[in-house]
C-alpha cells in the first residue's frame, strides 16, 4: 500500500492550494481517510477526515476554509485549502485508516507567506 501526496508549495496569505493524494493497492473509499499536518517540534495534528460513507470532519482551525473530498473513480483524496494563513504552514500528510492500521504517505510542504 502506498500513498503519495502532492500539490504543496509556496502561497501568499489569503491564497489557495489543492493537495492530492494518490493511493496504490488500497481503495480509499473503503476506509476512513484524511489529512494531517506537522510543523517542526510539534505533534502531527488532524486537519480533516472523510469517512468511508463520505462524511467529513474538520479541525476547528480549518473549518469553513478547507474541504476534503475523494474521487472514487480515480482513487484520489483531495484537500482544497482556501484563505490560507501563515499558521497553515506545515508538512501535510495523507493517511488511510485500514481498520486501525494507519497508512501514511510522504508529506508535501505547504508554506504560506504573510
N, C-alpha and C. Protein backbone atom coordinates (compact mmCIF):
# COMPACT_ATOMS: atom_id res chain seq x y z
N UNK A 1 0.85 -1.18 0.00
CA UNK A 1 0.00 0.00 0.00
C UNK A 1 0.89 1.23 0.00
N UNK A 2 0.60 2.15 -0.91
CA UNK A 2 1.37 3.39 -0.97
C UNK A 2 0.45 4.57 -1.15
N UNK A 3 0.79 5.65 -0.47
CA UNK A 3 0.10 6.92 -0.63
C UNK A 3 1.11 7.98 -1.03
N UNK A 4 0.76 8.79 -1.99
CA UNK A 4 1.66 9.84 -2.44
C UNK A 4 0.93 11.16 -2.48
N UNK A 5 1.33 12.07 -1.60
CA UNK A 5 0.71 13.41 -1.56
C UNK A 5 1.46 14.35 -2.49
N UNK A 6 0.73 15.27 -3.06
CA UNK A 6 1.32 16.28 -3.92
C UNK A 6 0.47 17.53 -3.88
N UNK A 7 1.00 18.60 -4.47
CA UNK A 7 0.23 19.82 -4.57
C UNK A 7 0.66 20.92 -3.62
N UNK A 8 1.61 20.63 -2.75
CA UNK A 8 2.09 21.65 -1.84
C UNK A 8 2.89 22.71 -2.57
N UNK A 9 3.24 23.76 -1.85
CA UNK A 9 4.02 24.82 -2.45
C UNK A 9 4.02 26.06 -1.60
N UNK A 10 4.46 27.14 -2.20
CA UNK A 10 4.52 28.43 -1.54
C UNK A 10 3.37 29.30 -2.04
N UNK A 11 2.63 29.86 -1.12
CA UNK A 11 1.48 30.69 -1.50
C UNK A 11 1.40 31.86 -0.53
N UNK A 12 0.86 32.97 -0.99
CA UNK A 12 0.68 34.12 -0.11
C UNK A 12 -0.55 33.94 0.76
N UNK A 13 -0.55 34.60 1.88
CA UNK A 13 -1.71 34.56 2.77
C UNK A 13 -2.95 34.99 2.01
N UNK A 14 -4.02 34.25 2.24
CA UNK A 14 -5.27 34.50 1.53
C UNK A 14 -5.43 33.66 0.28
N UNK A 15 -4.36 33.00 -0.12
CA UNK A 15 -4.40 32.19 -1.32
C UNK A 15 -4.95 30.81 -1.08
N UNK A 16 -4.90 30.01 -2.14
CA UNK A 16 -5.46 28.66 -2.11
C UNK A 16 -4.47 27.65 -2.68
N UNK A 17 -4.61 26.43 -2.21
CA UNK A 17 -3.88 25.29 -2.77
C UNK A 17 -4.80 24.08 -2.71
N UNK A 18 -4.58 23.15 -3.61
CA UNK A 18 -5.29 21.88 -3.54
C UNK A 18 -4.26 20.76 -3.47
N UNK A 19 -4.33 20.01 -2.40
CA UNK A 19 -3.47 18.85 -2.24
C UNK A 19 -4.18 17.61 -2.79
N UNK A 20 -3.38 16.73 -3.35
CA UNK A 20 -3.90 15.46 -3.86
C UNK A 20 -3.14 14.32 -3.21
N UNK A 21 -3.80 13.20 -3.09
CA UNK A 21 -3.16 12.00 -2.54
C UNK A 21 -3.56 10.83 -3.42
N UNK A 22 -2.57 10.26 -4.07
CA UNK A 22 -2.81 9.10 -4.92
C UNK A 22 -2.53 7.83 -4.14
N UNK A 23 -3.45 6.89 -4.23
CA UNK A 23 -3.33 5.65 -3.46
C UNK A 23 -3.09 4.46 -4.38
N UNK A 24 -2.20 3.59 -3.95
CA UNK A 24 -1.92 2.35 -4.68
C UNK A 24 -2.19 1.16 -3.77
N UNK A 25 -2.84 0.14 -4.33
CA UNK A 25 -3.12 -1.11 -3.62
C UNK A 25 -4.06 -0.93 -2.43
N UNK A 26 -4.83 0.12 -2.44
CA UNK A 26 -5.86 0.31 -1.44
C UNK A 26 -6.96 1.15 -2.06
N UNK A 27 -8.19 0.77 -1.80
CA UNK A 27 -9.32 1.55 -2.29
C UNK A 27 -9.71 2.54 -1.20
N UNK A 28 -9.40 3.79 -1.45
CA UNK A 28 -9.54 4.81 -0.40
C UNK A 28 -10.98 4.88 0.10
N UNK A 29 -11.94 4.74 -0.77
CA UNK A 29 -13.34 4.91 -0.38
C UNK A 29 -13.83 3.79 0.54
N UNK A 30 -13.07 2.73 0.67
CA UNK A 30 -13.46 1.63 1.55
C UNK A 30 -13.12 1.91 3.02
N UNK A 31 -12.34 2.95 3.25
CA UNK A 31 -11.83 3.21 4.59
C UNK A 31 -12.00 4.68 4.96
N UNK A 32 -11.86 4.96 6.26
CA UNK A 32 -11.72 6.35 6.68
C UNK A 32 -10.35 6.84 6.24
N UNK A 33 -10.31 8.06 5.76
CA UNK A 33 -9.04 8.62 5.29
C UNK A 33 -8.99 10.09 5.64
N UNK A 34 -7.82 10.68 5.51
CA UNK A 34 -7.74 12.07 5.89
C UNK A 34 -6.39 12.70 5.67
N UNK A 35 -6.30 13.90 6.20
CA UNK A 35 -5.09 14.70 6.11
C UNK A 35 -4.67 15.15 7.51
N UNK A 36 -3.39 15.08 7.76
CA UNK A 36 -2.78 15.60 8.96
C UNK A 36 -1.68 16.56 8.54
N UNK A 37 -1.22 17.36 9.49
CA UNK A 37 -0.10 18.25 9.22
C UNK A 37 0.82 18.30 10.43
N UNK A 38 2.05 18.68 10.15
CA UNK A 38 3.05 18.73 11.21
C UNK A 38 4.05 19.85 10.94
N UNK A 39 4.35 20.59 12.00
CA UNK A 39 5.41 21.59 11.95
C UNK A 39 6.54 21.10 12.84
N UNK A 40 7.75 21.52 12.56
CA UNK A 40 8.90 21.06 13.36
C UNK A 40 8.70 21.34 14.85
N UNK A 41 8.97 20.33 15.65
CA UNK A 41 8.88 20.49 17.09
C UNK A 41 7.49 20.29 17.66
N UNK A 42 6.51 20.01 16.80
CA UNK A 42 5.15 19.81 17.27
C UNK A 42 4.64 18.46 16.81
N UNK A 43 3.60 17.99 17.51
CA UNK A 43 2.99 16.73 17.12
C UNK A 43 2.19 16.88 15.83
N UNK A 44 2.09 15.79 15.13
CA UNK A 44 1.24 15.77 13.94
C UNK A 44 -0.20 15.98 14.37
N UNK A 45 -0.91 16.84 13.68
CA UNK A 45 -2.29 17.15 14.08
C UNK A 45 -3.26 16.87 12.94
N UNK A 46 -4.45 16.50 13.34
CA UNK A 46 -5.51 16.23 12.37
C UNK A 46 -5.95 17.52 11.69
N UNK A 47 -6.13 17.44 10.40
CA UNK A 47 -6.68 18.56 9.63
C UNK A 47 -8.11 18.23 9.21
N UNK A 48 -8.29 17.10 8.55
CA UNK A 48 -9.61 16.73 8.05
C UNK A 48 -9.67 15.23 7.84
N UNK A 49 -10.85 14.69 8.08
CA UNK A 49 -11.11 13.27 7.84
C UNK A 49 -12.33 13.14 6.95
N UNK A 50 -12.38 12.04 6.21
CA UNK A 50 -13.59 11.70 5.47
C UNK A 50 -13.84 10.23 5.69
N UNK A 51 -15.02 9.93 6.18
CA UNK A 51 -15.35 8.55 6.45
C UNK A 51 -15.62 7.75 5.19
N UNK A 52 -15.65 6.45 5.35
CA UNK A 52 -15.94 5.60 4.20
C UNK A 52 -17.31 5.93 3.61
N UNK A 53 -18.19 6.43 4.45
CA UNK A 53 -19.50 6.84 3.96
C UNK A 53 -19.52 8.22 3.34
N UNK A 54 -18.40 8.91 3.39
CA UNK A 54 -18.29 10.21 2.74
C UNK A 54 -18.51 11.41 3.62
N UNK A 55 -18.74 11.18 4.92
CA UNK A 55 -18.99 12.30 5.81
C UNK A 55 -17.66 12.91 6.25
N UNK A 56 -17.53 14.23 6.14
CA UNK A 56 -16.27 14.88 6.52
C UNK A 56 -16.25 15.36 7.97
N UNK A 57 -15.06 15.52 8.48
CA UNK A 57 -14.84 16.10 9.79
C UNK A 57 -13.61 16.97 9.70
N UNK A 58 -13.69 18.16 10.30
CA UNK A 58 -12.59 19.12 10.20
C UNK A 58 -12.12 19.57 11.58
N UNK A 59 -10.83 19.87 11.64
CA UNK A 59 -10.32 20.54 12.82
C UNK A 59 -10.93 21.93 12.89
N UNK A 60 -11.13 22.43 14.10
CA UNK A 60 -11.73 23.75 14.25
C UNK A 60 -10.94 24.82 13.51
N UNK A 61 -9.64 24.65 13.47
CA UNK A 61 -8.77 25.68 12.89
C UNK A 61 -8.94 25.81 11.37
N UNK A 62 -9.52 24.79 10.73
CA UNK A 62 -9.65 24.84 9.27
C UNK A 62 -11.10 24.80 8.81
N UNK A 63 -12.03 24.62 9.75
CA UNK A 63 -13.46 24.55 9.42
C UNK A 63 -13.87 25.79 8.64
N UNK A 64 -14.54 25.57 7.53
CA UNK A 64 -15.00 26.67 6.70
C UNK A 64 -13.99 27.16 5.68
N UNK A 65 -12.75 26.71 5.80
CA UNK A 65 -11.71 27.13 4.84
C UNK A 65 -11.22 25.95 4.01
N UNK A 66 -11.17 24.78 4.60
CA UNK A 66 -10.65 23.59 3.91
C UNK A 66 -11.80 22.66 3.58
N UNK A 67 -11.65 21.93 2.48
CA UNK A 67 -12.65 20.93 2.10
C UNK A 67 -11.93 19.65 1.71
N UNK A 68 -12.32 18.56 2.33
CA UNK A 68 -11.77 17.25 1.99
C UNK A 68 -12.75 16.54 1.07
N UNK A 69 -12.20 15.84 0.08
CA UNK A 69 -13.07 15.14 -0.85
C UNK A 69 -12.32 13.95 -1.44
N UNK A 70 -13.08 13.12 -2.13
CA UNK A 70 -12.50 11.94 -2.79
C UNK A 70 -12.97 11.86 -4.23
N UNK A 71 -12.12 11.27 -5.07
CA UNK A 71 -12.52 10.87 -6.41
C UNK A 71 -12.48 9.35 -6.39
N UNK A 72 -13.65 8.74 -6.25
CA UNK A 72 -13.70 7.29 -6.10
C UNK A 72 -13.33 6.56 -7.39
N UNK A 73 -13.47 7.21 -8.51
CA UNK A 73 -13.11 6.57 -9.78
C UNK A 73 -11.59 6.54 -9.93
N UNK A 74 -10.96 7.67 -9.64
CA UNK A 74 -9.51 7.76 -9.78
C UNK A 74 -8.76 7.32 -8.52
N UNK A 75 -9.51 7.04 -7.45
CA UNK A 75 -8.91 6.61 -6.18
C UNK A 75 -7.96 7.67 -5.63
N UNK A 76 -8.48 8.90 -5.60
CA UNK A 76 -7.70 10.02 -5.12
C UNK A 76 -8.38 10.68 -3.93
N UNK A 77 -7.57 11.24 -3.06
CA UNK A 77 -8.04 12.02 -1.92
C UNK A 77 -7.56 13.45 -2.13
N UNK A 78 -8.44 14.41 -1.85
CA UNK A 78 -8.09 15.81 -2.05
C UNK A 78 -8.25 16.60 -0.77
N UNK A 79 -7.52 17.71 -0.71
CA UNK A 79 -7.74 18.71 0.33
C UNK A 79 -7.66 20.07 -0.34
N UNK A 80 -8.82 20.70 -0.49
CA UNK A 80 -8.86 22.06 -1.02
C UNK A 80 -8.69 23.02 0.15
N UNK A 81 -7.69 23.89 0.05
CA UNK A 81 -7.36 24.81 1.14
C UNK A 81 -7.51 26.24 0.63
N UNK A 82 -8.43 26.96 1.23
CA UNK A 82 -8.68 28.35 0.86
C UNK A 82 -8.37 29.26 2.04
N UNK A 83 -8.24 30.54 1.74
CA UNK A 83 -7.98 31.55 2.78
C UNK A 83 -6.83 31.13 3.68
N UNK A 84 -5.76 30.73 3.06
CA UNK A 84 -4.61 30.23 3.82
C UNK A 84 -3.96 31.34 4.64
N UNK A 85 -3.46 30.94 5.79
CA UNK A 85 -2.75 31.86 6.68
C UNK A 85 -1.36 31.28 6.98
N UNK A 86 -0.45 32.10 7.46
CA UNK A 86 0.88 31.57 7.81
C UNK A 86 0.81 30.42 8.83
N UNK A 87 -0.23 30.40 9.64
CA UNK A 87 -0.38 29.33 10.64
C UNK A 87 -0.68 27.99 9.98
N UNK A 88 -1.02 27.99 8.71
CA UNK A 88 -1.26 26.74 7.98
C UNK A 88 0.03 26.15 7.43
N UNK A 89 1.12 26.84 7.58
CA UNK A 89 2.40 26.34 7.10
C UNK A 89 2.77 25.06 7.84
N UNK A 90 3.04 24.01 7.09
CA UNK A 90 3.33 22.71 7.68
C UNK A 90 3.63 21.71 6.56
N UNK A 91 4.07 20.54 6.96
CA UNK A 91 4.11 19.40 6.04
C UNK A 91 2.78 18.67 6.18
N UNK A 92 2.13 18.44 5.09
CA UNK A 92 0.82 17.81 5.09
C UNK A 92 0.95 16.36 4.64
N UNK A 93 0.29 15.47 5.38
CA UNK A 93 0.34 14.04 5.12
C UNK A 93 -1.06 13.50 4.89
N UNK A 94 -1.20 12.64 3.91
CA UNK A 94 -2.46 11.93 3.75
C UNK A 94 -2.34 10.57 4.43
N UNK A 95 -3.48 10.05 4.85
CA UNK A 95 -3.48 8.79 5.56
C UNK A 95 -4.76 8.02 5.28
N UNK A 96 -4.66 6.73 5.35
CA UNK A 96 -5.80 5.83 5.26
C UNK A 96 -5.77 4.93 6.49
N UNK A 97 -6.91 4.84 7.16
CA UNK A 97 -7.03 4.03 8.36
C UNK A 97 -7.60 2.67 7.98
N UNK A 98 -6.71 1.71 7.82
CA UNK A 98 -7.13 0.36 7.43
C UNK A 98 -7.38 -0.44 8.69
N UNK A 99 -8.57 -0.21 9.26
CA UNK A 99 -9.03 -0.93 10.46
C UNK A 99 -8.01 -0.83 11.59
N UNK A 100 -7.58 0.39 11.86
CA UNK A 100 -6.66 0.66 12.95
C UNK A 100 -5.21 0.69 12.54
N UNK A 101 -4.93 0.24 11.36
CA UNK A 101 -3.55 0.30 10.83
C UNK A 101 -3.45 1.54 9.95
N UNK A 102 -2.81 2.58 10.48
CA UNK A 102 -2.71 3.84 9.76
C UNK A 102 -1.61 3.77 8.71
N UNK A 103 -2.00 4.00 7.48
CA UNK A 103 -1.04 4.06 6.39
C UNK A 103 -0.76 5.52 6.08
N UNK A 104 0.50 5.90 6.04
CA UNK A 104 0.90 7.28 5.82
C UNK A 104 1.64 7.42 4.50
N UNK A 105 1.38 8.50 3.82
CA UNK A 105 2.16 8.84 2.65
C UNK A 105 3.27 9.80 3.03
N UNK A 106 4.19 10.00 2.11
CA UNK A 106 5.19 11.05 2.31
C UNK A 106 4.49 12.40 2.24
N UNK A 107 4.94 13.31 3.04
CA UNK A 107 4.27 14.59 3.12
C UNK A 107 4.59 15.52 1.98
N UNK A 108 3.80 16.57 1.92
CA UNK A 108 4.05 17.64 0.96
C UNK A 108 4.07 18.96 1.73
N UNK A 109 5.06 19.78 1.45
CA UNK A 109 5.26 21.01 2.20
C UNK A 109 4.33 22.10 1.69
N UNK A 110 3.65 22.75 2.64
CA UNK A 110 2.84 23.93 2.35
C UNK A 110 3.43 25.09 3.14
N UNK A 111 3.77 26.14 2.44
CA UNK A 111 4.33 27.33 3.08
C UNK A 111 3.49 28.54 2.68
N UNK A 112 2.99 29.23 3.69
CA UNK A 112 2.14 30.40 3.46
C UNK A 112 2.89 31.62 3.95
N UNK A 113 3.15 32.54 3.06
CA UNK A 113 3.88 33.76 3.41
C UNK A 113 2.90 34.86 3.79
N UNK A 114 3.34 35.70 4.70
CA UNK A 114 2.46 36.80 5.15
C UNK A 114 2.61 38.03 4.27
